[in-house]
Amino acid sequence: MKVAIATWNGRISPVFDVARQVLVLEVEDGREVSRHEEALPGTDPQAQAARLKTLGAEVLICGAISRPMASVLSGASVRVLPF
């Protein structure tokens, strides 16, 4: 499973809608097997969701997230775990 964590200055980003990067973790049998940072395109919900899908993210861990952004991610089958 791939988990994306929205980051900002080495911490979980306070608001996903304006996040510019994610830490992508590959998790197998409950253990991290790899990690890498990836850039995000910006504030467009469709572009953000498309980028996460391209990265193979199944779960997004973030701080706050707007309802429209959460809805787009849900439609892209990305489970959102805010706060």
C-alpha atoms as a PDB file:
ATOM      1  CA  MET A   1       0.000   0.000   0.000  1.00  0.00           C
ATOM      2  CA  LYS A   2       1.213   3.510  -0.732  1.00  0.00           C
ATOM      3  CA  VAL A   3       0.546   6.248   1.790  1.00  0.00           C
ATOM      4  CA  ALA A   4       1.066   9.935   0.979  1.00  0.00           C
ATOM      5  CA  ILE A   5       1.721  12.410   3.783  1.00  0.00           C
ATOM      6  CA  ALA A   6       1.353  16.081   2.857  1.00  0.00           C
ATOM      7  CA  THR A   7       4.447  17.839   4.211  1.00  0.00           C
ATOM      8  CA  TRP A   8       5.647  21.372   4.847  1.00  0.00           C
ATOM      9  CA  ASN A   9       8.957  22.232   6.522  1.00  0.00           C
ATOM     10  CA  GLY A  10       9.449  18.660   7.687  1.00  0.00           C
ATOM     11  CA  ARG A  11       6.007  18.375   9.299  1.00  0.00           C
ATOM     12  CA  ILE A  12       2.522  17.403   8.234  1.00  0.00           C
ATOM     13  CA  SER A  13       1.196  20.265   6.133  1.00  0.00           C
ATOM     14  CA  PRO A  14      -1.412  22.313   8.028  1.00  0.00           C
ATOM     15  CA  VAL A  15      -3.677  22.581   4.930  1.00  0.00           C
ATOM     16  CA  PHE A  16      -3.570  20.052   2.105  1.00  0.00           C
ATOM     17  CA  ASP A  17      -5.224  22.350  -0.428  1.00  0.00           C
ATOM     18  CA  VAL A  18      -2.026  24.418  -0.760  1.00  0.00           C
ATOM     19  CA  ALA A  19       0.513  21.639  -0.114  1.00  0.00           C
ATOM     20  CA  ARG A  20       3.377  21.505  -2.575  1.00  0.00           C
ATOM     21  CA  GLN A  21       4.907  18.161  -1.609  1.00  0.00           C
ATOM     22  CA  VAL A  22       4.141  14.748  -0.166  1.00  0.00           C
ATOM     23  CA  LEU A  23       6.191  12.058   1.459  1.00  0.00           C
ATOM     24  CA  VAL A  24       5.222   8.766  -0.202  1.00  0.00           C
ATOM     25  CA  LEU A  25       5.617   5.638   1.905  1.00  0.00           C
ATOM     26  CA  GLU A  26       5.392   2.094   0.568  1.00  0.00           C
ATOM     27  CA  VAL A  27       4.018  -0.114   3.337  1.00  0.00           C
ATOM     28  CA  GLU A  28       3.956  -3.924   3.264  1.00  0.00           C
ATOM     29  CA  ASP A  29       2.785  -6.124   6.136  1.00  0.00           C
ATOM     30  CA  GLY A  30       2.575  -3.060   8.393  1.00  0.00           C
ATOM     31  CA  ARG A  31       6.202  -2.044   7.767  1.00  0.00           C
ATOM     32  CA  GLU A  32       7.695   0.768   5.744  1.00  0.00           C
ATOM     33  CA  VAL A  33       9.736  -0.603   2.851  1.00  0.00           C
ATOM     34  CA  SER A  34      10.525   2.662   1.050  1.00  0.00           C
ATOM     35  CA  ARG A  35       9.969   6.413   1.161  1.00  0.00           C
ATOM     36  CA  HIS A  36      10.542   9.367  -1.138  1.00  0.00           C
ATOM     37  CA  GLU A  37       9.373  12.957  -1.520  1.00  0.00           C
ATOM     38  CA  GLU A  38       7.358  14.090  -4.515  1.00  0.00           C
ATOM     39  CA  ALA A  39       6.179  17.485  -5.727  1.00  0.00           C
ATOM     40  CA  LEU A  40       2.498  18.422  -6.024  1.00  0.00           C
ATOM     41  CA  PRO A  41       1.110  20.759  -8.696  1.00  0.00           C
ATOM     42  CA  GLY A  42      -0.581  23.310  -6.432  1.00  0.00           C
ATOM     43  CA  THR A  43      -4.095  24.324  -5.560  1.00  0.00           C
ATOM     44  CA  ASP A  44      -6.187  22.802  -8.358  1.00  0.00           C
ATOM     45  CA  PRO A  45      -8.148  19.896  -6.799  1.00  0.00           C
ATOM     46  CA  GLN A  46      -8.237  17.876 -10.030  1.00  0.00           C
ATOM     47  CA  ALA A  47      -4.479  18.259 -10.575  1.00  0.00           C
ATOM     48  CA  GLN A  48      -3.710  17.374  -6.946  1.00  0.00           C
ATOM     49  CA  ALA A  49      -5.874  14.234  -7.133  1.00  0.00           C
ATOM     50  CA  ALA A  50      -4.391  13.230 -10.493  1.00  0.00           C
ATOM     51  CA  ARG A  51      -0.856  13.583  -9.124  1.00  0.00           C
ATOM     52  CA  LEU A  52      -1.658  11.429  -6.079  1.00  0.00           C
ATOM     53  CA  LYS A  53      -3.178   8.770  -8.336  1.00  0.00           C
ATOM     54  CA  THR A  54      -0.093   8.880 -10.587  1.00  0.00           C
ATOM     55  CA  LEU A  55       2.034   8.288  -7.488  1.00  0.00           C
ATOM     56  CA  GLY A  56      -0.158   5.300  -6.611  1.00  0.00           C
ATOM     57  CA  ALA A  57      -1.312   6.783  -3.293  1.00  0.00           C
ATOM     58  CA  GLU A  58      -4.211   4.919  -1.710  1.00  0.00           C
ATOM     59  CA  VAL A  59      -4.256   6.933   1.515  1.00  0.00           C
ATOM     60  CA  LEU A  60      -3.519  10.615   2.193  1.00  0.00           C
ATOM     61  CA  ILE A  61      -2.588  11.814   5.678  1.00  0.00           C
ATOM     62  CA  CYS A  62      -2.877  15.575   6.039  1.00  0.00           C
ATOM     63  CA  GLY A  63      -3.892  18.449   8.271  1.00  0.00           C
ATOM     64  CA  ALA A  64      -6.967  20.428   7.273  1.00  0.00           C
ATOM     65  CA  ILE A  65      -8.561  19.830   3.888  1.00  0.00           C
ATOM     66  CA  SER A  66     -11.471  21.593   2.215  1.00  0.00           C
ATOM     67  CA  ARG A  67     -14.647  19.696   1.448  1.00  0.00           C
ATOM     68  CA  PRO A  68     -14.270  20.184  -2.317  1.00  0.00           C
ATOM     69  CA  MET A  69     -10.701  18.819  -2.259  1.00  0.00           C
ATOM     70  CA  ALA A  70     -11.701  15.878  -0.033  1.00  0.00           C
ATOM     71  CA  SER A  71     -14.594  15.123  -2.392  1.00  0.00           C
ATOM     72  CA  VAL A  72     -12.330  15.084  -5.463  1.00  0.00           C
ATOM     73  CA  LEU A  73      -9.865  12.773  -3.693  1.00  0.00           C
ATOM     74  CA  SER A  74     -12.683  10.472  -2.598  1.00  0.00           C
ATOM     75  CA  GLY A  75     -13.860  10.305  -6.211  1.00  0.00           C
ATOM     76  CA  ALA A  76     -10.307   9.310  -7.177  1.00  0.00           C
ATOM     77  CA  SER A  77     -10.407   6.478  -4.594  1.00  0.00           C
ATOM     78  CA  VAL A  78      -7.857   8.129  -2.296  1.00  0.00           C
ATOM     79  CA  ARG A  79      -8.806   7.683   1.367  1.00  0.00           C
ATOM     80  CA  VAL A  80      -8.242  10.920   3.312  1.00  0.00           C
ATOM     81  CA  LEU A  81      -7.152  10.917   6.974  1.00  0.00           C
ATOM     82  CA  PRO A  82      -7.187  14.580   8.055  1.00  0.00           C
ATOM     83  CA  PHE A  83      -5.887  16.017  11.339  1.00  0.00           C
END
